[in-house]
Protein backbone atom coordinates (compact mmCIF):
# COMPACT_ATOMS: atom_id res chain seq x y z
CA MET A 1 135.24 71.91 66.71
CA THR A 2 131.58 71.87 65.63
CA LEU A 3 130.58 70.34 68.94
CA PHE A 4 132.59 72.98 70.81
CA LEU A 5 130.87 75.79 68.86
CA ARG A 6 127.47 74.32 69.61
CA HIS A 7 128.23 74.12 73.31
CA SER A 8 129.64 77.66 73.24
CA SER A 9 126.53 78.98 71.47
CA TYR A 10 124.29 77.17 73.95
CA PHE A 11 126.26 78.64 76.87
CA ILE A 12 126.05 82.17 75.44
CA LEU A 13 122.31 81.84 74.76
CA SER A 14 121.67 80.44 78.24
CA SER A 15 123.67 83.30 79.79
CA LEU A 16 121.67 85.88 77.83
CA LEU A 17 118.36 84.31 78.84
CA LEU A 18 119.46 84.15 82.49
CA ALA A 19 120.58 87.78 82.40
CA SER A 20 117.28 88.77 80.81
CA CYS A 21 115.34 86.84 83.46
CA ASN A 22 117.35 88.42 86.29
CA GLN A 23 116.86 91.87 84.77
CA LYS A 24 113.11 91.25 84.60
CA LYS A 25 113.11 90.20 88.26
CA GLU A 26 115.00 93.36 89.19
CA VAL A 27 112.42 95.47 87.36
CA GLU A 28 109.57 93.68 89.17
CA ALA A 29 111.34 94.10 92.51
CA LYS A 30 111.77 97.81 91.84
CA LYS A 31 108.06 98.07 91.02
CA ASN A 32 107.14 96.43 94.30
CA GLU A 33 109.66 98.61 96.14
CA GLN A 34 108.12 101.68 94.53
CA THR A 35 104.68 100.60 95.71
CA VAL A 36 106.00 100.32 99.26
CA ILE A 37 107.60 103.75 98.98
CA GLU A 38 104.37 105.24 97.75
CA MET A 39 102.49 103.57 100.60
CA ASN A 40 104.91 105.12 103.08
CA ASP A 41 105.51 108.57 101.65
CA SER A 42 104.17 111.73 103.24
CA SER A 43 100.83 111.49 101.40
CA SER A 44 100.29 107.92 102.70
CA ILE A 45 98.48 106.98 99.47
CA SER A 46 99.20 103.90 97.38
CA LYS A 47 98.89 105.12 93.82
CA THR A 48 99.38 101.62 92.45
CA ALA A 49 96.67 99.86 94.46
CA GLU A 50 94.48 99.27 91.41
CA ASP A 51 97.37 97.87 89.36
CA ALA A 52 98.70 95.65 92.15
CA PRO A 53 95.63 94.59 94.18
CA ARG A 54 97.52 91.84 96.01
CA HIS A 55 100.56 93.90 97.00
CA GLN A 56 101.61 92.70 100.44
CA THR A 57 102.11 95.14 103.26
CA THR A 58 101.94 94.83 107.03
CA LYS A 59 100.31 98.23 107.37
CA THR A 60 96.84 98.74 108.80
CA ARG A 61 95.06 100.93 106.29
CA LEU A 62 91.88 102.36 104.80
CA VAL A 63 90.86 101.70 101.20
CA ILE A 64 88.43 103.80 99.16
CA LEU A 65 85.97 101.31 97.68
CA GLY A 66 83.44 103.79 96.30
CA THR A 67 83.02 107.54 95.88
CA ILE A 68 79.57 108.06 94.34
CA GLN A 69 76.25 109.11 95.95
CA ASP A 70 73.65 106.45 96.79
CA ALA A 71 71.96 106.19 93.38
CA GLY A 72 75.20 105.57 91.50
CA SER A 73 76.48 106.86 88.16
CA PRO A 74 74.86 106.70 85.69
CA GLN A 75 71.70 107.44 87.64
CA ILE A 76 68.41 105.90 86.61
CA THR A 77 66.61 107.80 83.77
CA CYS A 78 69.38 110.43 83.57
CA LYS A 79 69.72 112.02 80.12
CA LYS A 80 72.24 114.69 81.14
CA SER A 81 75.76 114.89 79.76
CA CYS A 82 77.13 113.57 83.08
CA CYS A 83 75.65 110.14 82.33
CA GLU A 84 76.02 110.17 78.56
CA GLY A 85 77.33 106.84 77.28
CA LEU A 86 77.60 105.29 80.76
CA PHE A 87 74.54 103.07 80.39
CA GLU A 88 76.11 101.44 77.33
CA ASP A 89 79.70 101.55 78.63
CA PRO A 90 79.74 101.73 82.46
CA ASP A 91 82.74 103.24 84.26
CA GLN A 92 83.87 100.57 86.75
CA ARG A 93 85.42 103.25 88.97
CA ARG A 94 82.01 104.72 89.74
CA LYS A 95 80.86 102.71 92.74
CA VAL A 96 78.68 103.87 95.63
CA VAL A 97 80.53 105.42 98.57
CA SER A 98 82.32 103.00 100.89
CA LEU A 99 85.52 102.66 102.89
CA GLY A 100 87.34 99.44 103.64
CA LEU A 101 89.48 98.91 106.73
CA ILE A 102 92.29 96.36 106.80
CA ASP A 103 93.68 95.32 110.19
CA ALA A 104 96.96 93.92 108.91
CA LEU A 105 98.14 92.70 112.34
CA ASN A 106 95.08 90.48 112.78
CA ASN A 107 94.35 89.70 109.10
CA THR A 108 90.81 91.07 109.37
CA THR A 109 88.75 93.43 107.24
CA TYR A 110 85.84 95.78 107.91
CA LEU A 111 83.45 97.59 105.60
CA PHE A 112 81.97 101.04 106.15
CA GLU A 113 78.54 101.11 104.43
CA ALA A 114 76.67 98.23 102.81
CA THR A 115 76.10 99.61 99.32
CA PRO A 116 74.41 98.19 96.20
CA ASP A 117 78.01 97.56 95.01
CA ILE A 118 78.85 95.42 98.04
CA GLY A 119 79.76 92.35 95.97
CA SER A 120 82.69 93.90 94.11
CA GLN A 121 83.67 96.00 97.13
CA VAL A 122 83.96 92.99 99.44
CA LYS A 123 85.92 91.18 96.74
CA LYS A 124 88.40 94.04 96.38
CA LEU A 125 88.85 94.42 100.14
CA THR A 126 89.41 90.72 100.86
CA GLN A 127 91.83 90.48 97.93
CA LEU A 128 93.91 93.23 99.47
CA GLU A 129 94.18 91.32 102.75
CA THR A 130 96.56 88.70 101.35
CA ASN A 131 97.20 86.85 104.62
CA SER A 132 93.60 85.68 104.92
CA GLU A 133 91.68 83.40 102.58
CA SER A 134 88.31 84.70 103.78
CA GLU A 135 85.97 85.93 101.04
CA MET A 136 83.85 87.90 103.52
CA VAL A 137 84.61 90.89 105.73
CA ASP A 138 84.72 90.57 109.51
CA GLY A 139 82.22 93.34 110.15
CA ILE A 140 80.12 96.09 108.56
CA PHE A 141 79.64 99.57 110.02
CA LEU A 142 76.49 101.46 108.93
CA THR A 143 76.00 105.22 109.01
CA HIS A 144 72.23 105.51 108.36
CA ALA A 145 69.16 104.19 106.57
CA HIS A 146 69.43 105.89 103.18
CA MET A 147 69.40 103.57 100.19
CA GLY A 148 73.07 103.61 99.26
CA HIS A 149 74.33 103.02 102.79
CA TYR A 150 72.58 99.84 103.97
CA THR A 151 70.67 98.11 101.14
CA GLY A 152 73.71 96.01 100.25
CA LEU A 153 72.80 93.91 103.30
CA MET A 154 70.29 92.13 101.06
CA TYR A 155 73.19 90.27 99.44
CA LEU A 156 73.91 88.59 102.76
CA GLY A 157 70.49 86.90 102.66
CA LYS A 158 69.30 83.51 101.42
CA GLU A 159 68.87 84.69 97.82
CA ALA A 160 72.59 85.45 97.69
CA MET A 161 75.45 84.28 99.95
CA ASP A 162 73.28 83.24 102.94
CA ALA A 163 75.86 84.62 105.38
CA LYS A 164 76.41 83.22 108.86
CA ASN A 165 76.21 85.82 111.64
CA THR A 166 78.16 88.57 109.90
CA PRO A 167 78.64 91.33 112.51
CA VAL A 168 76.80 94.54 111.60
CA TYR A 169 77.46 97.64 113.72
CA ALA A 170 74.47 99.98 113.98
CA MET A 171 73.09 102.80 116.11
CA PRO A 172 69.86 102.27 118.17
CA ARG A 173 67.34 103.56 115.60
CA MET A 174 69.18 101.87 112.75
CA LYS A 175 69.21 98.61 114.73
CA SER A 176 65.48 98.88 115.44
CA PHE A 177 64.73 99.65 111.80
CA LEU A 178 66.50 96.47 110.65
CA GLU A 179 64.90 94.35 113.38
CA ASN A 180 61.33 95.50 112.73
CA ASN A 181 61.10 95.89 108.96
CA GLY A 182 61.22 93.28 106.23
CA PRO A 183 63.11 92.11 104.34
CA TRP A 184 65.90 93.15 106.73
CA SER A 185 64.35 91.39 109.71
CA GLN A 186 64.68 88.11 107.82
CA LEU A 187 68.46 88.53 107.91
CA LEU A 188 68.21 88.38 111.71
CA VAL A 189 65.70 85.53 111.85
CA ARG A 190 67.94 83.45 109.59
CA GLU A 191 71.03 84.57 111.51
CA ASN A 192 72.64 85.96 108.36
CA ILE A 193 73.70 88.97 110.40
CA HIS A 194 74.25 89.78 114.06
CA ILE A 195 73.78 93.41 115.11
CA ASN A 196 76.30 94.95 117.49
CA ALA A 197 74.70 97.99 119.06
CA LEU A 198 76.60 101.27 118.88
CA ARG A 199 76.34 104.35 121.08
CA SER A 200 77.31 107.84 120.00
CA ASP A 201 80.80 108.85 121.15
CA SER A 202 81.41 105.35 122.57
CA SER A 203 84.34 103.51 120.97
CA VAL A 204 84.45 99.97 119.61
CA GLN A 205 87.87 98.40 120.17
CA LEU A 206 88.44 96.16 117.16
CA SER A 207 91.94 95.14 118.22
CA ASN A 208 94.97 96.48 120.03
CA GLY A 209 95.59 99.91 118.58
CA LEU A 210 92.51 99.96 116.33
CA LYS A 211 89.18 101.48 117.37
CA VAL A 212 86.11 103.03 115.77
CA THR A 213 83.95 105.73 117.34
CA PRO A 214 80.54 106.80 115.96
CA PHE A 215 79.24 110.34 116.43
CA LEU A 216 75.88 111.87 115.53
CA VAL A 217 75.60 114.34 112.64
CA PRO A 218 72.53 116.24 111.41
CA HIS A 219 70.90 114.71 108.35
CA ARG A 220 67.48 113.72 107.00
CA ASP A 221 66.74 111.07 109.61
CA GLU A 222 63.46 109.60 108.36
CA PHE A 223 64.19 106.02 109.46
CA SER A 224 67.34 106.19 111.55
CA GLU A 225 69.85 108.54 113.09
CA THR A 226 72.95 109.42 111.04
CA VAL A 227 76.53 109.05 112.22
CA GLY A 228 80.01 109.71 111.03
CA TYR A 229 82.98 107.71 112.28
CA LYS A 230 86.38 108.41 113.74
CA ILE A 231 88.71 105.56 112.86
CA GLU A 232 91.91 105.34 114.89
CA GLY A 233 94.77 103.06 113.91
CA PRO A 234 98.17 102.34 115.47
CA ASN A 235 99.66 105.58 114.15
CA LYS A 236 97.03 107.71 112.41
CA SER A 237 93.34 108.57 112.52
CA ALA A 238 90.57 109.47 110.09
CA LEU A 239 87.11 111.03 109.95
CA PHE A 240 84.44 109.53 107.71
CA ILE A 241 81.40 111.78 107.19
CA PRO A 242 79.77 110.84 103.87
CA ASP A 243 76.44 112.52 104.67
CA ILE A 244 75.62 115.67 106.63
CA ASP A 245 73.15 118.51 106.04
CA LYS A 246 75.40 121.57 106.47
CA TRP A 247 78.55 122.05 108.54
CA GLU A 248 76.88 124.91 110.45
CA LYS A 249 74.13 122.58 111.72
CA TRP A 250 76.60 120.28 113.45
CA SER A 251 77.29 120.84 117.15
CA LYS A 252 81.02 120.39 116.50
CA ASP A 253 83.35 122.66 114.52
CA ILE A 254 84.43 120.75 111.43
CA VAL A 255 87.61 122.81 111.02
CA THR A 256 88.72 121.88 114.55
CA GLU A 257 87.89 118.23 113.90
CA ILE A 258 89.96 118.20 110.69
CA ARG A 259 92.98 119.48 112.60
CA LYS A 260 92.70 116.60 115.10
CA VAL A 261 93.05 113.81 112.53
CA ASP A 262 95.31 112.73 109.66
CA TYR A 263 92.56 112.22 107.06
CA ALA A 264 89.04 113.58 106.68
CA PHE A 265 86.73 111.89 104.15
CA LEU A 266 83.97 114.46 103.86
CA ASP A 267 80.57 114.89 102.22
CA ALA A 268 80.93 116.57 98.82
CA THR A 269 77.65 115.51 97.20
CA PHE A 270 77.24 118.68 95.15
CA PHE A 271 79.79 121.13 93.83
CA ASP A 272 77.27 123.98 93.88
CA ALA A 273 73.51 124.65 93.65
CA LYS A 274 73.49 124.79 89.84
CA GLU A 275 73.65 121.02 89.44
CA LEU A 276 70.01 120.25 90.22
CA ASN A 277 67.86 122.62 88.20
CA ASN A 278 64.87 120.27 88.30
CA ARG A 279 64.65 119.71 92.08
CA ASP A 280 64.40 121.79 95.23
CA ILE A 281 67.93 121.51 96.54
CA SER A 282 66.81 122.76 99.97
CA GLN A 283 65.07 119.39 100.39
CA ILE A 284 68.36 117.54 99.96
CA PRO A 285 70.84 119.72 101.88
CA HIS A 286 74.54 118.90 101.79
CA PRO A 287 77.64 121.10 102.11
CA PHE A 288 78.47 122.31 98.60
CA ILE A 289 82.13 121.90 97.75
CA ILE A 290 82.36 125.65 97.09
CA GLU A 291 81.05 126.25 100.63
CA SER A 292 83.59 123.85 102.10
CA LEU A 293 86.43 125.48 100.14
CA GLU A 294 85.53 128.79 101.74
CA LYS A 295 85.00 127.34 105.22
CA PHE A 296 88.30 125.43 105.12
CA GLY A 297 90.18 128.29 103.47
CA ASP A 298 92.18 129.25 106.57
CA LEU A 299 93.57 125.77 107.10
CA ASN A 300 97.31 125.48 106.51
CA LYS A 301 98.68 123.46 103.61
CA ILE A 302 99.13 120.27 105.65
CA ASP A 303 95.60 120.40 107.08
CA LYS A 304 94.08 121.07 103.66
CA GLN A 305 95.74 117.92 102.35
CA LYS A 306 93.90 115.95 105.03
CA VAL A 307 90.58 116.74 103.37
CA ILE A 308 89.49 114.10 100.87
CA PHE A 309 86.11 114.98 99.35
CA ILE A 310 83.81 111.98 98.74
CA HIS A 311 80.15 110.99 98.06
CA PHE A 312 79.65 112.68 94.68
CA ASN A 313 76.25 113.01 93.06
CA HIS A 314 76.24 111.83 89.45
CA THR A 315 75.97 115.50 88.42
CA ASN A 316 79.06 116.61 90.36
CA PRO A 317 81.70 117.87 87.90
CA VAL A 318 84.64 116.91 90.14
CA ILE A 319 84.13 113.29 89.07
CA ASP A 320 85.77 114.40 85.81
CA ARG A 321 89.47 115.09 86.49
CA THR A 322 89.63 117.42 83.47
CA SER A 323 86.83 119.67 84.75
CA LYS A 324 87.31 123.21 86.03
CA ALA A 325 85.69 122.17 89.32
CA TYR A 326 88.22 119.38 89.88
CA LYS A 327 91.14 121.66 89.02
CA LEU A 328 89.86 124.47 91.26
CA THR A 329 89.42 122.13 94.22
CA THR A 330 92.85 120.52 93.90
CA LEU A 331 94.64 123.81 93.17
CA LYS A 332 93.30 125.09 96.49
CA GLY A 333 95.09 122.20 98.18
CA PHE A 334 92.29 119.68 98.75
CA ARG A 335 91.86 116.15 97.43
CA ILE A 336 89.16 114.38 95.45
CA ALA A 337 88.70 110.74 96.51
CA GLN A 338 89.69 108.15 93.90
CA ILE A 339 88.63 104.54 94.06
CA ASN A 340 91.24 102.04 95.35
CA GLU A 341 93.42 104.67 97.04
CA GLN A 342 94.91 103.43 100.30
CA PHE A 343 95.69 105.41 103.44
CA GLU A 344 97.90 104.04 106.18
CA LEU A 345 96.68 104.12 109.76
């Protein structure tokens, strides 16, 4: 009898443990299923990308790898409330503006901008491409020669990873700048990088159904021209314009361009002119968010949701989701870029 009871108890305990294990698996499966649903819903954003960085999907997609202006946040010597406490306790979500592109059909990855945060951004992007074991991206697209957009190339040199012919896509003046100025020219001499020349409005076919087209935009072009990019995937397309002087200076109509695509990642460096009371803001022109809200005001609800503001100066209040500026912008139907969000193409 005692032996029978022991066996019965063991059977009951084993059944409970098995049921518990199966229940746990069901919960995990539902979590993964939810991630897939969120990747495929009408917003096309994966809200769980940060929590599940190795979630597998066959979708070609864009990933936000950084949202902050060139100098980062906190910004050097800043004593304003926007940077208070960040030197002692940095916010890991505040990385310099960058997009990642995952070509899921070919297991390749591409980076838009080579920022000072390139190390962690490349790591995040290659982790998300789970079918490849490569630790390096398959190409880097540059927009212009301002510090936050190309200086990450230094980490491809001999003092760091000593890369082997990493493809870098650059416009003519940007290409010439890298070729004829140190330390960047050393990257070419050592064959750390190989520059693929771009032409405005001429597409680069990365694979079947995936192409990238640069286009000129007005900006402070001291060392190179400045471009934005149109990125076209198998099903959807996106604009990426992290830097531009003012929408009115561009030869194209930004409202028309927004309507043509599914996503528009747009320059939102400053919320308004009040942010920089110690500098001449006319010397660093960008479209204020309040100007864009007015200019885009006649867009319908669907087109407004295409607009994802990005490239925030450390002073920009929309970085804080509890701010009035953030709430105003989102209540009007627009989005504020958040690191690790994914957008299907």
